[in-house]
Amino acid sequence: YQDSLPIRKMVIQNPNDSNQLYSLSDNTLIH
């Protein structure tokens, strides 16, 4: 079981560091 499964939050990966992620709001688009 995973609580977060239906939430589907988005994260963006730092292009210079694959281990660094930015957490964003639900239904987020990159501008």
PDB file of all heavy atoms in Angstrom:
ATOM      1  N   TYR A   1       0.845  -1.200   0.000  1.00  0.00           N
ATOM      2  CA  TYR A   1       0.000   0.000   0.000  1.00  0.00           C
ATOM      3  C   TYR A   1       0.876   1.245   0.000  1.00  0.00           C
ATOM      4  O   TYR A   1       1.892   1.303   0.683  1.00  0.00           O
ATOM      5  CB  TYR A   1      -0.894   0.001   1.239  1.00  0.00           C
ATOM      6  CG  TYR A   1      -1.749   1.238   1.387  1.00  0.00           C
ATOM      7  CD1 TYR A   1      -2.958   1.350   0.709  1.00  0.00           C
ATOM      8  CD2 TYR A   1      -1.348   2.294   2.207  1.00  0.00           C
ATOM      9  CE1 TYR A   1      -3.752   2.469   0.835  1.00  0.00           C
ATOM     10  CE2 TYR A   1      -2.136   3.423   2.340  1.00  0.00           C
ATOM     11  CZ  TYR A   1      -3.338   3.504   1.657  1.00  0.00           C
ATOM     12  OH  TYR A   1      -4.111   4.630   1.794  1.00  0.00           O
ATOM     13  N   GLN A   2       0.469   2.253  -0.779  1.00  0.00           N
ATOM     14  CA  GLN A   2       1.186   3.520  -0.822  1.00  0.00           C
ATOM     15  C   GLN A   2       0.187   4.656  -0.726  1.00  0.00           C
ATOM     16  O   GLN A   2      -0.664   4.817  -1.596  1.00  0.00           O
ATOM     17  CB  GLN A   2       1.986   3.658  -2.123  1.00  0.00           C
ATOM     18  CG  GLN A   2       3.107   2.650  -2.255  1.00  0.00           C
ATOM     19  CD  GLN A   2       3.779   2.758  -3.618  1.00  0.00           C
ATOM     20  OE1 GLN A   2       3.292   2.258  -4.612  1.00  0.00           O
ATOM     21  NE2 GLN A   2       4.907   3.429  -3.638  1.00  0.00           N
ATOM     22  N   ASP A   3       0.281   5.458   0.337  1.00  0.00           N
ATOM     23  CA  ASP A   3      -0.646   6.570   0.528  1.00  0.00           C
ATOM     24  C   ASP A   3      -0.613   7.542  -0.640  1.00  0.00           C
ATOM     25  O   ASP A   3      -1.620   8.107  -1.018  1.00  0.00           O
ATOM     26  CB  ASP A   3      -0.297   7.350   1.809  1.00  0.00           C
ATOM     27  CG  ASP A   3      -0.905   6.693   3.038  1.00  0.00           C
ATOM     28  OD1 ASP A   3      -2.076   6.283   2.968  1.00  0.00           O
ATOM     29  OD2 ASP A   3      -0.206   6.582   4.053  1.00  0.00           O
ATOM     30  N   SER A   4       0.587   7.743  -1.199  1.00  0.00           N
ATOM     31  CA  SER A   4       0.758   8.795  -2.205  1.00  0.00           C
ATOM     32  C   SER A   4       0.331   8.366  -3.597  1.00  0.00           C
ATOM     33  O   SER A   4       0.338   9.168  -4.510  1.00  0.00           O
ATOM     34  CB  SER A   4       2.228   9.243  -2.259  1.00  0.00           C
ATOM     35  OG  SER A   4       3.051   8.143  -2.603  1.00  0.00           O
ATOM     36  N   LEU A   5      -0.079   7.099  -3.777  1.00  0.00           N
ATOM     37  CA  LEU A   5      -0.306   6.594  -5.125  1.00  0.00           C
ATOM     38  C   LEU A   5      -1.297   7.421  -5.935  1.00  0.00           C
ATOM     39  O   LEU A   5      -1.010   7.798  -7.058  1.00  0.00           O
ATOM     40  CB  LEU A   5      -0.770   5.135  -5.045  1.00  0.00           C
ATOM     41  CG  LEU A   5      -0.589   4.300  -6.296  1.00  0.00           C
ATOM     42  CD1 LEU A   5       0.854   4.291  -6.742  1.00  0.00           C
ATOM     43  CD2 LEU A   5      -1.069   2.890  -6.057  1.00  0.00           C
ATOM     44  N   PRO A   6      -2.498   7.769  -5.378  1.00  0.00           N
ATOM     45  CA  PRO A   6      -3.432   8.509  -6.224  1.00  0.00           C
ATOM     46  C   PRO A   6      -3.188  10.006  -6.288  1.00  0.00           C
ATOM     47  O   PRO A   6      -3.843  10.715  -7.027  1.00  0.00           O
ATOM     48  CB  PRO A   6      -4.782   8.218  -5.552  1.00  0.00           C
ATOM     49  CG  PRO A   6      -4.441   8.016  -4.121  1.00  0.00           C
ATOM     50  CD  PRO A   6      -3.078   7.374  -4.108  1.00  0.00           C
ATOM     51  N   ILE A   7      -2.239  10.527  -5.495  1.00  0.00           N
ATOM     52  CA  ILE A   7      -2.039  11.972  -5.443  1.00  0.00           C
ATOM     53  C   ILE A   7      -1.343  12.473  -6.698  1.00  0.00           C
ATOM     54  O   ILE A   7      -1.658  13.522  -7.229  1.00  0.00           O
ATOM     55  CB  ILE A   7      -1.218  12.340  -4.179  1.00  0.00           C
ATOM     56  CG1 ILE A   7      -2.026  11.974  -2.929  1.00  0.00           C
ATOM     57  CG2 ILE A   7      -0.898  13.822  -4.185  1.00  0.00           C
ATOM     58  CD1 ILE A   7      -1.282  12.213  -1.637  1.00  0.00           C
ATOM     59  N   ARG A   8      -0.371  11.718  -7.182  1.00  0.00           N
ATOM     60  CA  ARG A   8       0.342  12.034  -8.417  1.00  0.00           C
ATOM     61  C   ARG A   8       0.956  13.430  -8.400  1.00  0.00           C
ATOM     62  O   ARG A   8       0.731  14.242  -9.283  1.00  0.00           O
ATOM     63  CB  ARG A   8      -0.570  11.873  -9.632  1.00  0.00           C
ATOM     64  CG  ARG A   8      -1.014  10.445  -9.857  1.00  0.00           C
ATOM     65  CD  ARG A   8      -1.812  10.323 -11.129  1.00  0.00           C
ATOM     66  NE  ARG A   8      -2.218   8.942 -11.341  1.00  0.00           N
ATOM     67  CZ  ARG A   8      -1.459   8.011 -11.911  1.00  0.00           C
ATOM     68  NH1 ARG A   8      -0.260   8.327 -12.325  1.00  0.00           N
ATOM     69  NH2 ARG A   8      -1.898   6.795 -12.065  1.00  0.00           N
ATOM     70  N   LYS A   9       1.691  13.725  -7.335  1.00  0.00           N
ATOM     71  CA  LYS A   9       2.444  14.979  -7.329  1.00  0.00           C
ATOM     72  C   LYS A   9       3.609  14.873  -8.305  1.00  0.00           C
ATOM     73  O   LYS A   9       4.101  13.798  -8.594  1.00  0.00           O
ATOM     74  CB  LYS A   9       2.957  15.290  -5.917  1.00  0.00           C
ATOM     75  CG  LYS A   9       1.863  15.748  -4.969  1.00  0.00           C
ATOM     76  CD  LYS A   9       2.438  16.214  -3.659  1.00  0.00           C
ATOM     77  CE  LYS A   9       1.349  16.714  -2.742  1.00  0.00           C
ATOM     78  NZ  LYS A   9       0.697  17.918  -3.248  1.00  0.00           N
ATOM     79  N   MET A  10       4.045  16.012  -8.801  1.00  0.00           N
ATOM     80  CA  MET A  10       5.101  16.038  -9.790  1.00  0.00           C
ATOM     81  C   MET A  10       6.404  16.536  -9.172  1.00  0.00           C
ATOM     82  O   MET A  10       6.392  17.368  -8.270  1.00  0.00           O
ATOM     83  CB  MET A  10       4.718  16.965 -10.953  1.00  0.00           C
ATOM     84  CG  MET A  10       3.443  16.535 -11.657  1.00  0.00           C
ATOM     85  SD  MET A  10       3.612  14.893 -12.406  1.00  0.00           S
ATOM     86  CE  MET A  10       1.959  14.670 -13.051  1.00  0.00           C
ATOM     87  N   VAL A  11       7.514  16.014  -9.660  1.00  0.00           N
ATOM     88  CA  VAL A  11       8.820  16.515  -9.249  1.00  0.00           C
ATOM     89  C   VAL A  11       9.657  16.753 -10.501  1.00  0.00           C
ATOM     90  O   VAL A  11       9.465  16.111 -11.523  1.00  0.00           O
ATOM     91  CB  VAL A  11       9.557  15.535  -8.307  1.00  0.00           C
ATOM     92  CG1 VAL A  11       8.846  15.415  -6.990  1.00  0.00           C
ATOM     93  CG2 VAL A  11       9.736  14.180  -8.958  1.00  0.00           C
ATOM     94  N   ILE A  12      10.555  17.727 -10.401  1.00  0.00           N
ATOM     95  CA  ILE A  12      11.442  18.057 -11.509  1.00  0.00           C
ATOM     96  C   ILE A  12      12.863  17.736 -11.100  1.00  0.00           C
ATOM     97  O   ILE A  12      13.305  18.091 -10.012  1.00  0.00           O
ATOM     98  CB  ILE A  12      11.339  19.559 -11.868  1.00  0.00           C
ATOM     99  CG1 ILE A  12       9.887  19.917 -12.181  1.00  0.00           C
ATOM    100  CG2 ILE A  12      12.234  19.875 -13.065  1.00  0.00           C
ATOM    101  CD1 ILE A  12       9.295  19.145 -13.324  1.00  0.00           C
ATOM    102  N   GLN A  13      13.593  17.045 -11.958  1.00  0.00           N
ATOM    103  CA  GLN A  13      14.960  16.664 -11.669  1.00  0.00           C
ATOM    104  C   GLN A  13      15.928  17.770 -12.085  1.00  0.00           C
ATOM    105  O   GLN A  13      15.793  18.353 -13.160  1.00  0.00           O
ATOM    106  CB  GLN A  13      15.306  15.374 -12.407  1.00  0.00           C
ATOM    107  CG  GLN A  13      16.695  14.836 -12.078  1.00  0.00           C
ATOM    108  CD  GLN A  13      16.995  13.588 -12.887  1.00  0.00           C
ATOM    109  OE1 GLN A  13      16.882  13.586 -14.091  1.00  0.00           O
ATOM    110  NE2 GLN A  13      17.376  12.526 -12.207  1.00  0.00           N
ATOM    111  N   ASN A  14      16.895  18.054 -11.202  1.00  0.00           N
ATOM    112  CA  ASN A  14      17.949  19.002 -11.534  1.00  0.00           C
ATOM    113  C   ASN A  14      18.776  18.428 -12.688  1.00  0.00           C
ATOM    114  O   ASN A  14      19.320  17.336 -12.570  1.00  0.00           O
ATOM    115  CB  ASN A  14      18.834  19.230 -10.301  1.00  0.00           C
ATOM    116  CG  ASN A  14      19.891  20.297 -10.530  1.00  0.00           C
ATOM    117  OD1 ASN A  14      20.371  20.495 -11.641  1.00  0.00           O
ATOM    118  ND2 ASN A  14      20.266  20.987  -9.473  1.00  0.00           N
ATOM    119  N   PRO A  15      18.870  19.135 -13.816  1.00  0.00           N
ATOM    120  CA  PRO A  15      19.599  18.569 -14.965  1.00  0.00           C
ATOM    121  C   PRO A  15      21.079  18.359 -14.695  1.00  0.00           C
ATOM    122  O   PRO A  15      21.739  17.598 -15.398  1.00  0.00           O
ATOM    123  CB  PRO A  15      19.368  19.604 -16.071  1.00  0.00           C
ATOM    124  CG  PRO A  15      19.051  20.869 -15.354  1.00  0.00           C
ATOM    125  CD  PRO A  15      18.321  20.464 -14.106  1.00  0.00           C
ATOM    126  N   ASN A  16      21.621  19.026 -13.663  1.00  0.00           N
ATOM    127  CA  ASN A  16      23.042  18.894 -13.343  1.00  0.00           C
ATOM    128  C   ASN A  16      23.314  17.931 -12.197  1.00  0.00           C
ATOM    129  O   ASN A  16      24.456  17.660 -11.861  1.00  0.00           O
ATOM    130  CB  ASN A  16      23.627  20.274 -13.000  1.00  0.00           C
ATOM    131  CG  ASN A  16      23.506  21.246 -14.160  1.00  0.00           C
ATOM    132  OD1 ASN A  16      23.768  20.878 -15.305  1.00  0.00           O
ATOM    133  ND2 ASN A  16      23.089  22.467 -13.869  1.00  0.00           N
ATOM    134  N   ASP A  17      22.243  17.450 -11.535  1.00  0.00           N
ATOM    135  CA  ASP A  17      22.411  16.553 -10.402  1.00  0.00           C
ATOM    136  C   ASP A  17      21.202  15.634 -10.360  1.00  0.00           C
ATOM    137  O   ASP A  17      20.116  16.023  -9.935  1.00  0.00           O
ATOM    138  CB  ASP A  17      22.521  17.342  -9.094  1.00  0.00           C
ATOM    139  CG  ASP A  17      22.735  16.442  -7.878  1.00  0.00           C
ATOM    140  OD1 ASP A  17      22.735  15.207  -8.046  1.00  0.00           O
ATOM    141  OD2 ASP A  17      22.894  16.975  -6.775  1.00  0.00           O
ATOM    142  N   SER A  18      21.365  14.383 -10.806  1.00  0.00           N
ATOM    143  CA  SER A  18      20.231  13.466 -10.923  1.00  0.00           C
ATOM    144  C   SER A  18      19.641  13.095  -9.569  1.00  0.00           C
ATOM    145  O   SER A  18      18.532  12.573  -9.496  1.00  0.00           O
ATOM    146  CB  SER A  18      20.661  12.195 -11.661  1.00  0.00           C
ATOM    147  OG  SER A  18      21.686  11.531 -10.935  1.00  0.00           O
ATOM    148  N   ASN A  19      20.366  13.338  -8.469  1.00  0.00           N
ATOM    149  CA  ASN A  19      19.854  13.016  -7.138  1.00  0.00           C
ATOM    150  C   ASN A  19      19.073  14.159  -6.507  1.00  0.00           C
ATOM    151  O   ASN A  19      18.530  14.008  -5.419  1.00  0.00           O
ATOM    152  CB  ASN A  19      21.014  12.628  -6.206  1.00  0.00           C
ATOM    153  CG  ASN A  19      21.684  11.347  -6.647  1.00  0.00           C
ATOM    154  OD1 ASN A  19      21.011  10.386  -7.009  1.00  0.00           O
ATOM    155  ND2 ASN A  19      23.002  11.327  -6.617  1.00  0.00           N
ATOM    156  N   GLN A  20      19.020  15.314  -7.160  1.00  0.00           N
ATOM    157  CA  GLN A  20      18.320  16.466  -6.613  1.00  0.00           C
ATOM    158  C   GLN A  20      17.012  16.665  -7.364  1.00  0.00           C
ATOM    159  O   GLN A  20      16.985  16.818  -8.572  1.00  0.00           O
ATOM    160  CB  GLN A  20      19.175  17.728  -6.720  1.00  0.00           C
ATOM    161  CG  GLN A  20      18.530  18.954  -6.063  1.00  0.00           C
ATOM    162  CD  GLN A  20      19.430  20.172  -6.097  1.00  0.00           C
ATOM    163  OE1 GLN A  20      20.483  20.141  -6.743  1.00  0.00           O
ATOM    164  NE2 GLN A  20      19.038  21.227  -5.427  1.00  0.00           N
ATOM    165  N   LEU A  21      15.902  16.637  -6.606  1.00  0.00           N
ATOM    166  CA  LEU A  21      14.582  16.770  -7.191  1.00  0.00           C
ATOM    167  C   LEU A  21      13.859  17.962  -6.586  1.00  0.00           C
ATOM    168  O   LEU A  21      13.992  18.240  -5.397  1.00  0.00           O
ATOM    169  CB  LEU A  21      13.756  15.505  -6.962  1.00  0.00           C
ATOM    170  CG  LEU A  21      14.343  14.201  -7.503  1.00  0.00           C
ATOM    171  CD1 LEU A  21      13.477  13.028  -7.089  1.00  0.00           C
ATOM    172  CD2 LEU A  21      14.460  14.245  -9.012  1.00  0.00           C
ATOM    173  N   TYR A  22      13.083  18.667  -7.395  1.00  0.00           N
ATOM    174  CA  TYR A  22      12.247  19.751  -6.932  1.00  0.00           C
ATOM    175  C   TYR A  22      10.807  19.261  -6.875  1.00  0.00           C
ATOM    176  O   TYR A  22      10.279  18.742  -7.849  1.00  0.00           O
ATOM    177  CB  TYR A  22      12.332  20.953  -7.880  1.00  0.00           C
ATOM    178  CG  TYR A  22      13.716  21.525  -8.034  1.00  0.00           C
ATOM    179  CD1 TYR A  22      14.447  21.301  -9.197  1.00  0.00           C
ATOM    180  CD2 TYR A  22      14.288  22.288  -7.022  1.00  0.00           C
ATOM    181  CE1 TYR A  22      15.713  21.827  -9.353  1.00  0.00           C
ATOM    182  CE2 TYR A  22      15.562  22.811  -7.175  1.00  0.00           C
ATOM    183  CZ  TYR A  22      16.266  22.581  -8.340  1.00  0.00           C
ATOM    184  OH  TYR A  22      17.520  23.108  -8.482  1.00  0.00           O
ATOM    185  N   SER A  23      10.155  19.417  -5.725  1.00  0.00           N
ATOM    186  CA  SER A  23       8.772  18.991  -5.585  1.00  0.00           C
ATOM    187  C   SER A  23       7.842  20.135  -5.951  1.00  0.00           C
ATOM    188  O   SER A  23       8.018  21.262  -5.505  1.00  0.00           O
ATOM    189  CB  SER A  23       8.493  18.552  -4.141  1.00  0.00           C
ATOM    190  OG  SER A  23       7.155  18.150  -4.009  1.00  0.00           O
ATOM    191  N   LEU A  24       6.827  19.831  -6.784  1.00  0.00           N
ATOM    192  CA  LEU A  24       5.908  20.844  -7.254  1.00  0.00           C
ATOM    193  C   LEU A  24       4.475  20.502  -6.860  1.00  0.00           C
ATOM    194  O   LEU A  24       4.195  19.427  -6.336  1.00  0.00           O
ATOM    195  CB  LEU A  24       5.999  20.970  -8.787  1.00  0.00           C
ATOM    196  CG  LEU A  24       7.394  21.257  -9.346  1.00  0.00           C
ATOM    197  CD1 LEU A  24       7.331  21.301 -10.861  1.00  0.00           C
ATOM    198  CD2 LEU A  24       7.924  22.570  -8.804  1.00  0.00           C
ATOM    199  N   SER A  25       3.578  21.405  -7.122  1.00  0.00           N
ATOM    200  CA  SER A  25       2.177  21.210  -6.787  1.00  0.00           C
ATOM    201  C   SER A  25       1.533  20.168  -7.698  1.00  0.00           C
ATOM    202  O   SER A  25       2.105  19.749  -8.698  1.00  0.00           O
ATOM    203  CB  SER A  25       1.431  22.535  -6.931  1.00  0.00           C
ATOM    204  OG  SER A  25       2.010  23.534  -6.133  1.00  0.00           O
ATOM    205  N   ASP A  26       0.291  19.778  -7.345  1.00  0.00           N
ATOM    206  CA  ASP A  26      -0.460  18.866  -8.205  1.00  0.00           C
ATOM    207  C   ASP A  26      -0.651  19.483  -9.587  1.00  0.00           C
ATOM    208  O   ASP A  26      -0.791  20.687  -9.732  1.00  0.00           O
ATOM    209  CB  ASP A  26      -1.843  18.594  -7.609  1.00  0.00           C
ATOM    210  CG  ASP A  26      -1.759  17.830  -6.297  1.00  0.00           C
ATOM    211  OD1 ASP A  26      -0.671  17.338  -5.977  1.00  0.00           O
ATOM    212  OD2 ASP A  26      -2.790  17.747  -5.603  1.00  0.00           O
ATOM    213  N   ASN A  27      -0.719  18.648 -10.602  1.00  0.00           N
ATOM    214  CA  ASN A  27      -1.048  19.071 -11.972  1.00  0.00           C
ATOM    215  C   ASN A  27      -0.160  20.206 -12.468  1.00  0.00           C
ATOM    216  O   ASN A  27      -0.614  21.193 -13.035  1.00  0.00           O
ATOM    217  CB  ASN A  27      -2.510  19.514 -12.056  1.00  0.00           C
ATOM    218  CG  ASN A  27      -3.446  18.441 -11.563  1.00  0.00           C
ATOM    219  OD1 ASN A  27      -3.230  17.277 -11.844  1.00  0.00           O
ATOM    220  ND2 ASN A  27      -4.441  18.820 -10.817  1.00  0.00           N
ATOM    221  N   THR A  28       1.131  20.112 -12.204  1.00  0.00           N
ATOM    222  CA  THR A  28       2.044  21.196 -12.556  1.00  0.00           C
ATOM    223  C   THR A  28       2.619  21.012 -13.954  1.00  0.00           C
ATOM    224  O   THR A  28       2.999  19.919 -14.336  1.00  0.00           O
ATOM    225  CB  THR A  28       3.200  21.261 -11.537  1.00  0.00           C
ATOM    226  OG1 THR A  28       2.642  21.506 -10.253  1.00  0.00           O
ATOM    227  CG2 THR A  28       4.160  22.379 -11.878  1.00  0.00           C
ATOM    228  N   LEU A  29       2.708  22.107 -14.682  1.00  0.00           N
ATOM    229  CA  LEU A  29       3.336  22.108 -15.995  1.00  0.00           C
ATOM    230  C   LEU A  29       4.633  22.890 -15.929  1.00  0.00           C
ATOM    231  O   LEU A  29       4.767  23.818 -15.156  1.00  0.00           O
ATOM    232  CB  LEU A  29       2.431  22.788 -17.039  1.00  0.00           C
ATOM    233  CG  LEU A  29       0.977  22.347 -17.094  1.00  0.00           C
ATOM    234  CD1 LEU A  29       0.261  23.150 -18.175  1.00  0.00           C
ATOM    235  CD2 LEU A  29       0.892  20.878 -17.385  1.00  0.00           C
ATOM    236  N   ILE A  30       5.594  22.520 -16.769  1.00  0.00           N
ATOM    237  CA  ILE A  30       6.800  23.326 -16.905  1.00  0.00           C
ATOM    238  C   ILE A  30       6.520  24.427 -17.919  1.00  0.00           C
ATOM    239  O   ILE A  30       6.029  24.169 -19.007  1.00  0.00           O
ATOM    240  CB  ILE A  30       7.981  22.479 -17.394  1.00  0.00           C
ATOM    241  CG1 ILE A  30       8.225  21.325 -16.426  1.00  0.00           C
ATOM    242  CG2 ILE A  30       9.228  23.323 -17.551  1.00  0.00           C
ATOM    243  CD1 ILE A  30       9.247  20.351 -16.930  1.00  0.00           C
ATOM    244  N   HIS A  31       6.844  25.652 -17.553  1.00  0.00           N
ATOM    245  CA  HIS A  31       6.694  26.768 -18.489  1.00  0.00           C
ATOM    246  C   HIS A  31       8.009  26.912 -19.244  1.00  0.00           C
ATOM    247  O   HIS A  31       8.969  27.472 -18.742  1.00  0.00           O
ATOM    248  CB  HIS A  31       6.366  28.048 -17.712  1.00  0.00           C
ATOM    249  CG  HIS A  31       6.075  29.216 -18.607  1.00  0.00           C
ATOM    250  ND1 HIS A  31       5.846  30.472 -18.127  1.00  0.00           N
ATOM    251  CD2 HIS A  31       5.954  29.323 -19.948  1.00  0.00           C
ATOM    252  CE1 HIS A  31       5.616  31.303 -19.117  1.00  0.00           C
ATOM    253  NE2 HIS A  31       5.678  30.617 -20.232  1.00  0.00           N
TER     254      HIS A  31
END
